Amino acid sequence: MKKILTASLFLLLSINLIAQRDSFSKNQDYNFYDSFNAYWKTVTFKIGGGIYIPQGDLKKYFGSSPLVELSLDFPVTETKSLELAVQFIIPEQRQAFEYVRLTDSVETKATFLFNPMIRFKKNFSKSESSKVLFGLALGASVVTTDARNTDFFDMSEDRSKYEIISALLISPSLDYVKAFKNNNEFTLSVGLNYSPYKIEGALQEDIGRIAITPRILYSF
């Protein structure tokens, strides 16, 4: 009889421990899912447009051009965030530049600018309805050209194979953000894009490196 009671108590204790473990696991999974959803609600998607305004030597080759920017802003702390952004620019070409290849050089023009970047941002204001942010972005500036890539000889299959120019991109920016209901935000931003496009073996002439990028962005 004593053995039966001992076995029964052991069985009941085991069932209770298993139930508690299952409950804890479910609560842990629920808390993780709930925390993930809560954080994702703080992530903002931004879309907007502006003007790409070349400065110095760069404006000899490019005129002011339309710019479109898309970004995702991930909060890190209450005052800091990490933003993944990309800019699309259709350049107004004023003057062709010489692209140097292995066997020859060719006069070419840019057809498209693509600027992917990671932007570190810090909030310097204390107002709940508006923010002043300083940003510093690191990335690349990729320029597609109308010069055909000589590595591709079959013209029928490789008609879209053109030479590209890529350079380091450093871009500080200053943003004024006005917040509305439902996490909607309106942003006025001014950035400076620094990209040394002169690359030995591709561009031997210095076409410039600095452009100002005023932008208007809307986030939701």
N, C-alpha and C. Protein backbone atom coordinates (compact mmCIF):
# COMPACT_ATOMS: atom_id res chain seq x y z
N MET A 1 0.83 -1.20 0.00
CA MET A 1 0.00 0.00 0.00
C MET A 1 0.87 1.26 0.00
N LYS A 2 1.92 1.22 0.82
CA LYS A 2 2.83 2.37 0.91
C LYS A 2 3.51 2.62 -0.44
N LYS A 3 3.86 1.52 -1.12
CA LYS A 3 4.50 1.66 -2.42
C LYS A 3 3.56 2.29 -3.44
N ILE A 4 2.27 1.88 -3.35
CA ILE A 4 1.28 2.43 -4.29
C ILE A 4 1.10 3.92 -4.06
N LEU A 5 0.99 4.34 -2.77
CA LEU A 5 0.82 5.76 -2.46
C LEU A 5 2.04 6.57 -2.91
N THR A 6 3.24 6.01 -2.69
CA THR A 6 4.47 6.71 -3.10
C THR A 6 4.52 6.89 -4.60
N ALA A 7 4.16 5.81 -5.33
CA ALA A 7 4.17 5.88 -6.79
C ALA A 7 3.13 6.88 -7.29
N SER A 8 1.96 6.91 -6.63
CA SER A 8 0.91 7.84 -7.03
C SER A 8 1.34 9.29 -6.83
N LEU A 9 1.95 9.57 -5.66
CA LEU A 9 2.43 10.92 -5.38
C LEU A 9 3.51 11.34 -6.37
N PHE A 10 4.42 10.42 -6.69
CA PHE A 10 5.48 10.71 -7.66
C PHE A 10 4.90 11.02 -9.02
N LEU A 11 3.87 10.27 -9.43
CA LEU A 11 3.23 10.49 -10.73
C LEU A 11 2.54 11.85 -10.77
N LEU A 12 1.81 12.19 -9.70
CA LEU A 12 1.13 13.49 -9.65
C LEU A 12 2.13 14.64 -9.69
N LEU A 13 3.26 14.49 -8.97
CA LEU A 13 4.29 15.53 -8.96
C LEU A 13 4.90 15.69 -10.35
N SER A 14 5.13 14.58 -11.04
CA SER A 14 5.71 14.64 -12.38
C SER A 14 4.78 15.34 -13.35
N ILE A 15 3.49 15.01 -13.27
CA ILE A 15 2.50 15.65 -14.16
C ILE A 15 2.44 17.15 -13.90
N ASN A 16 2.50 17.53 -12.60
CA ASN A 16 2.46 18.95 -12.26
C ASN A 16 3.67 19.71 -12.79
N LEU A 17 4.86 19.06 -12.67
CA LEU A 17 6.08 19.70 -13.17
C LEU A 17 6.04 19.86 -14.68
N ILE A 18 5.55 18.85 -15.39
CA ILE A 18 5.44 18.92 -16.85
C ILE A 18 4.47 20.02 -17.27
N ALA A 19 3.35 20.13 -16.53
CA ALA A 19 2.36 21.17 -16.84
C ALA A 19 2.94 22.56 -16.63
N GLN A 20 3.70 22.72 -15.53
CA GLN A 20 4.32 24.02 -15.27
C GLN A 20 5.35 24.35 -16.34
N ARG A 21 6.12 23.34 -16.77
CA ARG A 21 7.14 23.56 -17.80
C ARG A 21 6.49 23.96 -19.12
N ASP A 22 5.40 23.28 -19.48
CA ASP A 22 4.69 23.61 -20.72
C ASP A 22 4.11 25.01 -20.64
N SER A 23 3.58 25.37 -19.45
CA SER A 23 3.00 26.70 -19.28
C SER A 23 4.07 27.76 -19.39
N PHE A 24 5.23 27.51 -18.79
CA PHE A 24 6.34 28.48 -18.85
C PHE A 24 6.84 28.65 -20.28
N SER A 25 6.93 27.50 -21.00
CA SER A 25 7.39 27.57 -22.39
C SER A 25 6.42 28.37 -23.25
N LYS A 26 5.12 28.14 -23.05
CA LYS A 26 4.12 28.87 -23.83
C LYS A 26 4.15 30.35 -23.49
N ASN A 27 4.30 30.67 -22.20
CA ASN A 27 4.37 32.07 -21.80
C ASN A 27 5.61 32.74 -22.37
N GLN A 28 6.74 31.98 -22.40
CA GLN A 28 7.98 32.53 -22.93
C GLN A 28 7.83 32.81 -24.42
N ASP A 29 7.24 31.84 -25.16
CA ASP A 29 7.01 32.05 -26.59
C ASP A 29 6.08 33.22 -26.83
N TYR A 30 5.04 33.33 -26.00
CA TYR A 30 4.09 34.43 -26.15
C TYR A 30 4.76 35.77 -25.87
N ASN A 31 5.59 35.83 -24.82
CA ASN A 31 6.27 37.07 -24.49
C ASN A 31 7.23 37.49 -25.60
N PHE A 32 7.92 36.51 -26.20
CA PHE A 32 8.84 36.82 -27.29
C PHE A 32 8.07 37.36 -28.49
N TYR A 33 6.96 36.70 -28.83
CA TYR A 33 6.15 37.12 -29.97
C TYR A 33 5.57 38.50 -29.72
N ASP A 34 5.10 38.73 -28.48
CA ASP A 34 4.51 40.01 -28.12
C ASP A 34 5.55 41.13 -28.16
N SER A 35 6.78 40.84 -27.67
CA SER A 35 7.85 41.84 -27.69
C SER A 35 8.27 42.17 -29.12
N PHE A 36 8.33 41.14 -29.98
CA PHE A 36 8.70 41.36 -31.38
C PHE A 36 7.67 42.26 -32.07
N ASN A 37 6.40 41.99 -31.84
CA ASN A 37 5.35 42.81 -32.44
C ASN A 37 5.40 44.24 -31.93
N ALA A 38 5.68 44.39 -30.64
CA ALA A 38 5.75 45.73 -30.05
C ALA A 38 6.91 46.51 -30.64
N TYR A 39 8.07 45.84 -30.83
CA TYR A 39 9.23 46.53 -31.42
C TYR A 39 8.97 46.87 -32.88
N TRP A 40 8.37 45.95 -33.63
CA TRP A 40 8.14 46.19 -35.06
C TRP A 40 7.24 47.40 -35.29
N LYS A 41 6.35 47.67 -34.32
CA LYS A 41 5.48 48.84 -34.44
C LYS A 41 6.26 50.15 -34.33
N THR A 42 7.45 50.09 -33.75
CA THR A 42 8.27 51.31 -33.62
C THR A 42 9.13 51.54 -34.87
N VAL A 43 9.24 50.54 -35.74
CA VAL A 43 10.02 50.69 -36.98
C VAL A 43 9.20 51.49 -37.98
N THR A 44 9.83 52.49 -38.60
CA THR A 44 9.12 53.35 -39.54
C THR A 44 9.67 53.21 -40.95
N PHE A 45 8.76 53.17 -41.90
CA PHE A 45 9.12 53.14 -43.31
C PHE A 45 8.95 54.55 -43.87
N LYS A 46 9.97 55.05 -44.55
CA LYS A 46 9.93 56.40 -45.08
C LYS A 46 10.07 56.38 -46.60
N ILE A 47 9.33 57.26 -47.23
CA ILE A 47 9.43 57.43 -48.67
C ILE A 47 9.34 58.93 -48.97
N GLY A 48 10.13 59.37 -49.92
CA GLY A 48 10.10 60.80 -50.23
C GLY A 48 10.95 61.13 -51.43
N GLY A 49 11.03 62.40 -51.71
CA GLY A 49 11.79 62.86 -52.86
C GLY A 49 12.53 64.13 -52.54
N GLY A 50 13.40 64.50 -53.47
CA GLY A 50 14.18 65.71 -53.28
C GLY A 50 14.95 66.04 -54.54
N ILE A 51 16.04 66.76 -54.34
CA ILE A 51 16.87 67.20 -55.47
C ILE A 51 18.33 66.86 -55.17
N TYR A 52 18.99 66.34 -56.17
CA TYR A 52 20.43 66.07 -56.11
C TYR A 52 21.12 67.26 -56.76
N ILE A 53 21.86 68.06 -55.94
CA ILE A 53 22.46 69.31 -56.42
C ILE A 53 23.97 69.19 -56.36
N PRO A 54 24.63 68.93 -57.48
CA PRO A 54 26.09 68.80 -57.50
C PRO A 54 26.78 70.12 -57.13
N GLN A 55 27.97 69.99 -56.53
CA GLN A 55 28.76 71.15 -56.13
C GLN A 55 30.17 71.02 -56.71
N GLY A 56 30.88 72.16 -56.82
CA GLY A 56 32.26 72.14 -57.27
C GLY A 56 32.41 71.59 -58.68
N ASP A 57 33.43 70.74 -58.87
CA ASP A 57 33.70 70.16 -60.19
C ASP A 57 32.57 69.26 -60.68
N LEU A 58 31.81 68.68 -59.73
CA LEU A 58 30.76 67.75 -60.13
C LEU A 58 29.66 68.43 -60.95
N LYS A 59 29.41 69.71 -60.70
CA LYS A 59 28.35 70.40 -61.43
C LYS A 59 28.74 70.73 -62.87
N LYS A 60 30.03 70.51 -63.22
CA LYS A 60 30.42 70.63 -64.62
C LYS A 60 29.86 69.47 -65.45
N TYR A 61 29.65 68.34 -64.77
CA TYR A 61 29.22 67.13 -65.46
C TYR A 61 27.75 66.82 -65.24
N PHE A 62 27.21 67.22 -64.07
CA PHE A 62 25.81 66.91 -63.76
C PHE A 62 25.07 68.17 -63.35
N GLY A 63 23.81 68.27 -63.80
CA GLY A 63 22.94 69.33 -63.33
C GLY A 63 22.09 68.84 -62.18
N SER A 64 21.30 69.74 -61.61
CA SER A 64 20.39 69.34 -60.53
C SER A 64 19.40 68.30 -61.06
N SER A 65 19.22 67.23 -60.28
CA SER A 65 18.46 66.08 -60.77
C SER A 65 17.47 65.60 -59.71
N PRO A 66 16.35 64.98 -60.13
CA PRO A 66 15.38 64.46 -59.16
C PRO A 66 15.92 63.26 -58.39
N LEU A 67 15.50 63.16 -57.15
CA LEU A 67 15.97 62.11 -56.23
C LEU A 67 14.78 61.47 -55.53
N VAL A 68 14.80 60.16 -55.41
CA VAL A 68 13.80 59.42 -54.63
C VAL A 68 14.53 58.63 -53.55
N GLU A 69 14.02 58.67 -52.32
CA GLU A 69 14.66 57.93 -51.22
C GLU A 69 13.64 57.04 -50.52
N LEU A 70 14.06 55.81 -50.22
CA LEU A 70 13.29 54.86 -49.42
C LEU A 70 14.15 54.43 -48.24
N SER A 71 13.51 54.25 -47.07
CA SER A 71 14.30 53.87 -45.90
C SER A 71 13.45 53.15 -44.86
N LEU A 72 14.14 52.37 -44.02
CA LEU A 72 13.55 51.75 -42.84
C LEU A 72 14.36 52.19 -41.63
N ASP A 73 13.66 52.73 -40.62
CA ASP A 73 14.32 53.27 -39.43
C ASP A 73 14.07 52.33 -38.25
N PHE A 74 15.17 51.78 -37.68
CA PHE A 74 15.09 50.84 -36.56
C PHE A 74 15.59 51.51 -35.29
N PRO A 75 14.73 51.75 -34.29
CA PRO A 75 15.18 52.35 -33.03
C PRO A 75 16.16 51.44 -32.29
N VAL A 76 17.20 52.04 -31.73
CA VAL A 76 18.18 51.31 -30.93
C VAL A 76 18.03 51.69 -29.46
N THR A 77 17.95 52.99 -29.18
CA THR A 77 17.64 53.50 -27.85
C THR A 77 16.58 54.58 -28.01
N GLU A 78 16.27 55.29 -26.93
CA GLU A 78 15.27 56.35 -27.01
C GLU A 78 15.73 57.51 -27.88
N THR A 79 17.04 57.69 -28.01
CA THR A 79 17.55 58.83 -28.78
C THR A 79 18.37 58.43 -30.00
N LYS A 80 18.58 57.13 -30.20
CA LYS A 80 19.42 56.69 -31.31
C LYS A 80 18.68 55.67 -32.17
N SER A 81 18.98 55.67 -33.46
CA SER A 81 18.36 54.70 -34.36
C SER A 81 19.32 54.37 -35.49
N LEU A 82 19.02 53.27 -36.17
CA LEU A 82 19.80 52.80 -37.31
C LEU A 82 18.86 52.74 -38.51
N GLU A 83 19.25 53.38 -39.59
CA GLU A 83 18.38 53.48 -40.76
C GLU A 83 19.04 52.85 -41.98
N LEU A 84 18.31 51.99 -42.67
CA LEU A 84 18.74 51.44 -43.95
C LEU A 84 18.05 52.25 -45.05
N ALA A 85 18.83 52.90 -45.90
CA ALA A 85 18.26 53.80 -46.89
C ALA A 85 18.87 53.56 -48.26
N VAL A 86 18.12 53.95 -49.28
CA VAL A 86 18.62 53.88 -50.65
C VAL A 86 18.06 55.07 -51.43
N GLN A 87 18.92 55.67 -52.22
CA GLN A 87 18.54 56.81 -53.06
C GLN A 87 18.65 56.43 -54.53
N PHE A 88 17.65 56.86 -55.29
CA PHE A 88 17.63 56.64 -56.74
C PHE A 88 17.66 58.01 -57.43
N ILE A 89 18.60 58.19 -58.35
CA ILE A 89 18.78 59.49 -59.01
C ILE A 89 18.91 59.27 -60.51
N ILE A 90 18.12 60.02 -61.28
CA ILE A 90 18.28 60.03 -62.74
C ILE A 90 19.03 61.32 -63.07
N PRO A 91 20.33 61.23 -63.38
CA PRO A 91 21.15 62.44 -63.49
C PRO A 91 20.91 63.21 -64.78
N GLU A 92 20.97 64.51 -64.66
CA GLU A 92 20.97 65.38 -65.84
C GLU A 92 22.44 65.57 -66.24
N GLN A 93 22.84 64.93 -67.32
CA GLN A 93 24.24 64.96 -67.74
C GLN A 93 24.52 66.23 -68.54
N ARG A 94 25.50 67.01 -68.10
CA ARG A 94 25.90 68.23 -68.81
C ARG A 94 27.08 68.00 -69.75
N GLN A 95 27.97 67.10 -69.32
CA GLN A 95 29.20 66.89 -70.09
C GLN A 95 29.63 65.44 -69.92
N ALA A 96 30.07 64.81 -71.01
CA ALA A 96 30.56 63.43 -70.95
C ALA A 96 31.92 63.39 -70.27
N PHE A 97 32.27 62.23 -69.74
CA PHE A 97 33.59 62.04 -69.13
C PHE A 97 34.24 60.80 -69.73
N GLU A 98 35.54 60.69 -69.57
CA GLU A 98 36.28 59.61 -70.19
C GLU A 98 36.39 58.41 -69.25
N TYR A 99 35.91 57.28 -69.73
CA TYR A 99 35.99 56.03 -68.97
C TYR A 99 37.14 55.20 -69.53
N VAL A 100 38.10 54.84 -68.69
CA VAL A 100 39.29 54.13 -69.13
C VAL A 100 39.12 52.64 -68.89
N ARG A 101 39.29 51.85 -69.98
CA ARG A 101 39.21 50.40 -69.88
C ARG A 101 40.59 49.79 -70.11
N LEU A 102 40.67 48.46 -70.12
CA LEU A 102 41.97 47.80 -70.24
C LEU A 102 42.62 48.06 -71.59
N THR A 103 41.80 48.08 -72.64
CA THR A 103 42.35 48.20 -73.99
C THR A 103 42.12 49.55 -74.64
N ASP A 104 41.19 50.34 -74.09
CA ASP A 104 40.90 51.63 -74.71
C ASP A 104 40.22 52.54 -73.70
N SER A 105 39.82 53.69 -74.14
CA SER A 105 39.03 54.62 -73.33
C SER A 105 37.88 55.12 -74.19
N VAL A 106 36.80 55.52 -73.54
CA VAL A 106 35.61 55.90 -74.28
C VAL A 106 34.92 57.06 -73.57
N GLU A 107 34.36 57.98 -74.35
CA GLU A 107 33.55 59.06 -73.79
C GLU A 107 32.18 58.49 -73.41
N THR A 108 31.78 58.69 -72.17
CA THR A 108 30.54 58.08 -71.70
C THR A 108 29.74 59.05 -70.84
N LYS A 109 28.48 58.72 -70.64
CA LYS A 109 27.60 59.50 -69.78
C LYS A 109 26.95 58.58 -68.76
N ALA A 110 26.59 59.16 -67.64
CA ALA A 110 25.89 58.41 -66.61
C ALA A 110 24.41 58.28 -66.98
N THR A 111 23.85 57.12 -66.72
CA THR A 111 22.43 56.90 -66.98
C THR A 111 21.61 56.79 -65.69
N PHE A 112 22.27 56.42 -64.57
CA PHE A 112 21.52 56.22 -63.33
C PHE A 112 22.49 56.24 -62.15
N LEU A 113 22.05 56.79 -61.01
CA LEU A 113 22.81 56.77 -59.77
C LEU A 113 22.01 56.01 -58.72
N PHE A 114 22.70 55.12 -58.00
CA PHE A 114 22.08 54.26 -56.99
C PHE A 114 22.94 54.34 -55.74
N ASN A 115 22.36 54.85 -54.62
CA ASN A 115 23.13 55.08 -53.40
C ASN A 115 22.55 54.29 -52.22
N PRO A 116 23.00 53.05 -51.98
CA PRO A 116 22.58 52.33 -50.77
C PRO A 116 23.46 52.75 -49.59
N MET A 117 22.88 52.83 -48.39
CA MET A 117 23.64 53.31 -47.23
C MET A 117 23.03 52.85 -45.92
N ILE A 118 23.86 52.87 -44.89
CA ILE A 118 23.41 52.68 -43.50
C ILE A 118 23.62 54.00 -42.78
N ARG A 119 22.55 54.51 -42.17
CA ARG A 119 22.61 55.83 -41.54
C ARG A 119 22.41 55.71 -40.03
N PHE A 120 23.36 56.25 -39.28
CA PHE A 120 23.27 56.30 -37.82
C PHE A 120 22.68 57.66 -37.44
N LYS A 121 21.61 57.66 -36.62
CA LYS A 121 20.90 58.90 -36.31
C LYS A 121 20.78 59.10 -34.81
N LYS A 122 20.86 60.37 -34.39
CA LYS A 122 20.72 60.71 -32.98
C LYS A 122 19.78 61.88 -32.84
N ASN A 123 18.87 61.78 -31.86
CA ASN A 123 17.88 62.82 -31.58
C ASN A 123 18.44 63.80 -30.55
N PHE A 124 18.47 65.09 -30.90
CA PHE A 124 18.99 66.11 -30.00
C PHE A 124 17.89 66.95 -29.35
N SER A 125 16.64 66.67 -29.64
CA SER A 125 15.54 67.45 -29.09
C SER A 125 14.80 66.66 -28.01
N LYS A 126 13.95 67.34 -27.24
CA LYS A 126 13.21 66.70 -26.17
C LYS A 126 11.71 66.80 -26.35
N SER A 127 11.25 67.42 -27.41
CA SER A 127 9.82 67.56 -27.66
C SER A 127 9.23 66.24 -28.13
N GLU A 128 7.98 65.94 -27.71
CA GLU A 128 7.32 64.72 -28.11
C GLU A 128 6.72 64.82 -29.51
N SER A 129 6.42 66.02 -29.96
CA SER A 129 5.76 66.20 -31.25
C SER A 129 6.72 66.52 -32.39
N SER A 130 7.96 66.85 -32.06
CA SER A 130 8.93 67.16 -33.10
C SER A 130 10.34 66.74 -32.65
N LYS A 131 11.20 66.49 -33.63
CA LYS A 131 12.56 66.04 -33.33
C LYS A 131 13.55 66.72 -34.27
N VAL A 132 14.76 66.92 -33.78
CA VAL A 132 15.87 67.38 -34.59
C VAL A 132 16.93 66.28 -34.55
N LEU A 133 17.23 65.71 -35.70
CA LEU A 133 18.11 64.55 -35.77
C LEU A 133 19.38 64.86 -36.57
N PHE A 134 20.49 64.37 -36.07
CA PHE A 134 21.73 64.41 -36.84
C PHE A 134 22.02 62.99 -37.32
N GLY A 135 22.35 62.84 -38.59
CA GLY A 135 22.63 61.52 -39.14
C GLY A 135 23.99 61.47 -39.82
N LEU A 136 24.57 60.29 -39.82
CA LEU A 136 25.82 60.05 -40.54
C LEU A 136 25.70 58.71 -41.26
N ALA A 137 25.76 58.74 -42.59
CA ALA A 137 25.56 57.54 -43.38
C ALA A 137 26.85 57.08 -44.04
N LEU A 138 27.01 55.77 -44.12
CA LEU A 138 28.11 55.15 -44.83
C LEU A 138 27.52 54.19 -45.86
N GLY A 139 28.06 54.21 -47.06
CA GLY A 139 27.53 53.32 -48.08
C GLY A 139 28.35 53.40 -49.35
N ALA A 140 27.66 53.28 -50.49
CA ALA A 140 28.31 53.30 -51.79
C ALA A 140 27.47 54.11 -52.76
N SER A 141 28.14 54.73 -53.70
CA SER A 141 27.46 55.41 -54.79
C SER A 141 27.81 54.68 -56.08
N VAL A 142 26.80 54.13 -56.72
CA VAL A 142 26.98 53.32 -57.92
C VAL A 142 26.41 54.08 -59.12
N VAL A 143 27.25 54.28 -60.15
CA VAL A 143 26.85 55.02 -61.34
C VAL A 143 26.87 54.07 -62.53
N THR A 144 25.72 53.92 -63.17
CA THR A 144 25.68 53.14 -64.40
C THR A 144 25.93 54.09 -65.57
N THR A 145 26.59 53.59 -66.60
CA THR A 145 26.95 54.43 -67.75
C THR A 145 26.41 53.81 -69.04
N ASP A 146 26.56 54.55 -70.15
CA ASP A 146 26.15 54.03 -71.45
C ASP A 146 27.31 53.41 -72.21
N ALA A 147 28.45 53.18 -71.51
CA ALA A 147 29.60 52.53 -72.14
C ALA A 147 29.44 51.01 -72.04
N ARG A 148 29.45 50.33 -73.19
CA ARG A 148 29.26 48.89 -73.18
C ARG A 148 30.48 48.19 -72.60
N ASN A 149 30.23 47.17 -71.81
CA ASN A 149 31.29 46.38 -71.20
C ASN A 149 31.93 45.49 -72.25
N THR A 150 33.22 45.64 -72.48
CA THR A 150 33.91 44.88 -73.53
C THR A 150 34.13 43.42 -73.15
N ASP A 151 33.81 43.02 -71.92
CA ASP A 151 33.95 41.62 -71.54
C ASP A 151 32.85 40.76 -72.13
N PHE A 152 31.80 41.41 -72.66
CA PHE A 152 30.69 40.67 -73.23
C PHE A 152 30.67 40.92 -74.74
N PHE A 153 30.85 39.87 -75.50
CA PHE A 153 31.00 40.01 -76.94
C PHE A 153 29.74 39.66 -77.72
N ASP A 154 28.86 38.89 -77.13
CA ASP A 154 27.64 38.52 -77.84
C ASP A 154 26.62 39.63 -77.70
N MET A 155 26.49 40.45 -78.70
CA MET A 155 25.62 41.63 -78.62
C MET A 155 24.15 41.24 -78.51
N SER A 156 23.78 40.09 -79.04
CA SER A 156 22.37 39.69 -79.02
C SER A 156 21.91 39.30 -77.62
N GLU A 157 22.81 38.75 -76.81
CA GLU A 157 22.44 38.29 -75.47
C GLU A 157 22.82 39.27 -74.37
N ASP A 158 23.74 40.17 -74.62
CA ASP A 158 24.26 41.02 -73.56
C ASP A 158 24.12 42.50 -73.89
N ARG A 159 22.96 42.85 -74.41
CA ARG A 159 22.74 44.23 -74.80
C ARG A 159 22.71 45.18 -73.59
N SER A 160 22.36 44.66 -72.43
CA SER A 160 22.25 45.51 -71.24
C SER A 160 23.50 45.51 -70.37
N LYS A 161 24.60 44.96 -70.88
CA LYS A 161 25.83 44.90 -70.10
C LYS A 161 26.65 46.18 -70.31
N TYR A 162 26.61 47.05 -69.33
CA TYR A 162 27.30 48.33 -69.42
C TYR A 162 28.27 48.50 -68.25
N GLU A 163 29.25 49.36 -68.46
CA GLU A 163 30.23 49.65 -67.42
C GLU A 163 29.58 50.44 -66.28
N ILE A 164 30.07 50.20 -65.07
CA ILE A 164 29.59 50.95 -63.91
C ILE A 164 30.78 51.54 -63.16
N ILE A 165 30.50 52.59 -62.40
CA ILE A 165 31.49 53.23 -61.54
C ILE A 165 30.95 53.17 -60.11
N SER A 166 31.75 52.72 -59.17
CA SER A 166 31.32 52.67 -57.77
C SER A 166 32.33 53.38 -56.89
N ALA A 167 31.84 54.07 -55.89
CA ALA A 167 32.71 54.82 -54.99
C ALA A 167 32.14 54.81 -53.58
N LEU A 168 33.01 55.02 -52.61
CA LEU A 168 32.58 55.14 -51.23
C LEU A 168 31.66 56.34 -51.07
N LEU A 169 30.63 56.20 -50.25
CA LEU A 169 29.70 57.29 -49.97
C LEU A 169 29.69 57.60 -48.48
N ILE A 170 29.94 58.87 -48.13
CA ILE A 170 29.80 59.37 -46.76
C ILE A 170 28.80 60.51 -46.81
N SER A 171 27.77 60.45 -45.96
CA SER A 171 26.70 61.43 -46.07
C SER A 171 26.18 61.88 -44.71
N PRO A 172 26.65 63.01 -44.18
CA PRO A 172 26.02 63.59 -42.98
C PRO A 172 24.71 64.27 -43.36
N SER A 173 23.79 64.34 -42.41
CA SER A 173 22.48 64.95 -42.69
C SER A 173 21.90 65.57 -41.42
N LEU A 174 20.98 66.48 -41.63
CA LEU A 174 20.26 67.12 -40.53
C LEU A 174 18.77 67.07 -40.85
N ASP A 175 17.97 66.50 -39.91
CA ASP A 175 16.55 66.30 -40.14
C ASP A 175 15.71 67.06 -39.12
N TYR A 176 14.59 67.61 -39.61
CA TYR A 176 13.55 68.11 -38.70
C TYR A 176 12.33 67.22 -38.92
N VAL A 177 11.87 66.56 -37.84
CA VAL A 177 10.78 65.60 -37.95
C VAL A 177 9.59 66.09 -37.14
N LYS A 178 8.44 66.14 -37.78
CA LYS A 178 7.19 66.51 -37.12
C LYS A 178 6.31 65.27 -37.02
N ALA A 179 5.91 64.90 -35.80
CA ALA A 179 5.14 63.68 -35.57
C ALA A 179 3.65 63.99 -35.53
N PHE A 180 2.86 63.04 -36.07
CA PHE A 180 1.41 63.13 -36.04
C PHE A 180 0.84 61.87 -35.38
N LYS A 181 -0.44 61.66 -35.49
CA LYS A 181 -1.07 60.49 -34.88
C LYS A 181 -0.70 59.22 -35.66
N ASN A 182 -0.84 58.07 -34.98
CA ASN A 182 -0.61 56.75 -35.58
C ASN A 182 0.80 56.59 -36.13
N ASN A 183 1.78 57.21 -35.46
CA ASN A 183 3.21 57.09 -35.82
C ASN A 183 3.54 57.69 -37.18
N ASN A 184 2.67 58.51 -37.73
CA ASN A 184 2.98 59.18 -38.99
C ASN A 184 3.91 60.36 -38.72
N GLU A 185 4.90 60.54 -39.61
CA GLU A 185 5.89 61.61 -39.44
C GLU A 185 6.17 62.29 -40.77
N PHE A 186 6.43 63.58 -40.67
CA PHE A 186 6.78 64.38 -41.84
C PHE A 186 8.19 64.93 -41.59
N THR A 187 9.11 64.69 -42.54
CA THR A 187 10.52 65.01 -42.33
C THR A 187 11.04 65.97 -43.39
N LEU A 188 11.70 67.03 -42.94
CA LEU A 188 12.48 67.92 -43.81
C LEU A 188 13.95 67.62 -43.54
N SER A 189 14.68 67.28 -44.59
CA SER A 189 16.06 66.82 -44.40
C SER A 189 16.98 67.48 -45.41
N VAL A 190 18.21 67.77 -44.95
CA VAL A 190 19.27 68.27 -45.83
C VAL A 190 20.49 67.38 -45.61
N GLY A 191 20.99 66.80 -46.70
CA GLY A 191 22.15 65.94 -46.60
C GLY A 191 23.28 66.40 -47.51
N LEU A 192 24.46 65.90 -47.25
CA LEU A 192 25.61 66.18 -48.09
C LEU A 192 26.24 64.84 -48.48
N ASN A 193 26.27 64.56 -49.78
CA ASN A 193 26.84 63.31 -50.28
C ASN A 193 28.29 63.54 -50.73
N TYR A 194 29.21 62.81 -50.12
CA TYR A 194 30.62 62.88 -50.51
C TYR A 194 31.02 61.54 -51.11
N SER A 195 31.37 61.53 -52.41
CA SER A 195 31.78 60.32 -53.12
C SER A 195 32.93 60.66 -54.06
N PRO A 196 34.14 60.18 -53.78
CA PRO A 196 35.27 60.42 -54.69
C PRO A 196 35.18 59.50 -55.90
N TYR A 197 34.57 60.00 -56.97
CA TYR A 197 34.30 59.15 -58.14
C TYR A 197 35.55 58.84 -58.95
N LYS A 198 36.61 59.62 -58.77
CA LYS A 198 37.83 59.35 -59.52
C LYS A 198 38.48 58.07 -58.99
N ILE A 199 38.48 57.03 -59.82
CA ILE A 199 39.04 55.75 -59.44
C ILE A 199 40.08 55.35 -60.48
N GLU A 200 41.29 55.05 -60.06
CA GLU A 200 42.35 54.68 -60.99
C GLU A 200 41.94 53.43 -61.76
N GLY A 201 42.02 53.49 -63.07
CA GLY A 201 41.62 52.38 -63.92
C GLY A 201 40.21 52.51 -64.45
N ALA A 202 39.43 53.46 -63.92
CA ALA A 202 38.08 53.68 -64.43
C ALA A 202 37.92 55.14 -64.86
N LEU A 203 38.11 56.06 -63.93
CA LEU A 203 38.06 57.49 -64.25
C LEU A 203 39.39 58.11 -63.85
N GLN A 204 40.14 58.57 -64.81
CA GLN A 204 41.41 59.22 -64.50
C GLN A 204 41.25 60.72 -64.35
N GLU A 205 40.14 61.26 -64.80
CA GLU A 205 39.87 62.67 -64.59
C GLU A 205 38.98 62.84 -63.35
N ASP A 206 39.19 63.90 -62.61
CA ASP A 206 38.43 64.15 -61.40
C ASP A 206 37.13 64.86 -61.78
N ILE A 207 36.00 64.15 -61.70
CA ILE A 207 34.72 64.75 -62.07
C ILE A 207 34.01 65.38 -60.88
N GLY A 208 34.63 65.34 -59.70
CA GLY A 208 34.01 65.94 -58.52
C GLY A 208 33.57 64.88 -57.54
N ARG A 209 33.01 65.35 -56.40
CA ARG A 209 32.70 64.40 -55.34
C ARG A 209 31.59 64.84 -54.39
N ILE A 210 31.13 66.07 -54.45
CA ILE A 210 30.19 66.57 -53.45
C ILE A 210 28.87 66.99 -54.08
N ALA A 211 27.76 66.62 -53.42
CA ALA A 211 26.42 67.04 -53.82
C ALA A 211 25.58 67.28 -52.57
N ILE A 212 24.70 68.25 -52.65
CA ILE A 212 23.75 68.54 -51.57
C ILE A 212 22.41 67.89 -51.92
N THR A 213 21.75 67.29 -50.92
CA THR A 213 20.50 66.56 -51.17
C THR A 213 19.38 67.00 -50.23
N PRO A 214 18.71 68.11 -50.52
CA PRO A 214 17.52 68.47 -49.73
C PRO A 214 16.38 67.50 -50.07
N ARG A 215 15.66 67.02 -49.03
CA ARG A 215 14.63 66.01 -49.24
C ARG A 215 13.43 66.27 -48.36
N ILE A 216 12.28 65.81 -48.81
CA ILE A 216 11.04 65.79 -48.04
C ILE A 216 10.59 64.34 -47.96
N LEU A 217 10.37 63.84 -46.72
CA LEU A 217 10.03 62.43 -46.54
C LEU A 217 8.77 62.28 -45.68
N TYR A 218 8.02 61.23 -45.97
CA TYR A 218 6.83 60.92 -45.18
C TYR A 218 6.96 59.50 -44.67
N SER A 219 6.72 59.29 -43.41
CA SER A 219 6.87 57.96 -42.80
C SER A 219 5.57 57.50 -42.18
N PHE A 220 5.38 56.15 -42.19
CA PHE A 220 4.19 55.55 -41.61
C PHE A 220 4.49 54.12 -41.20
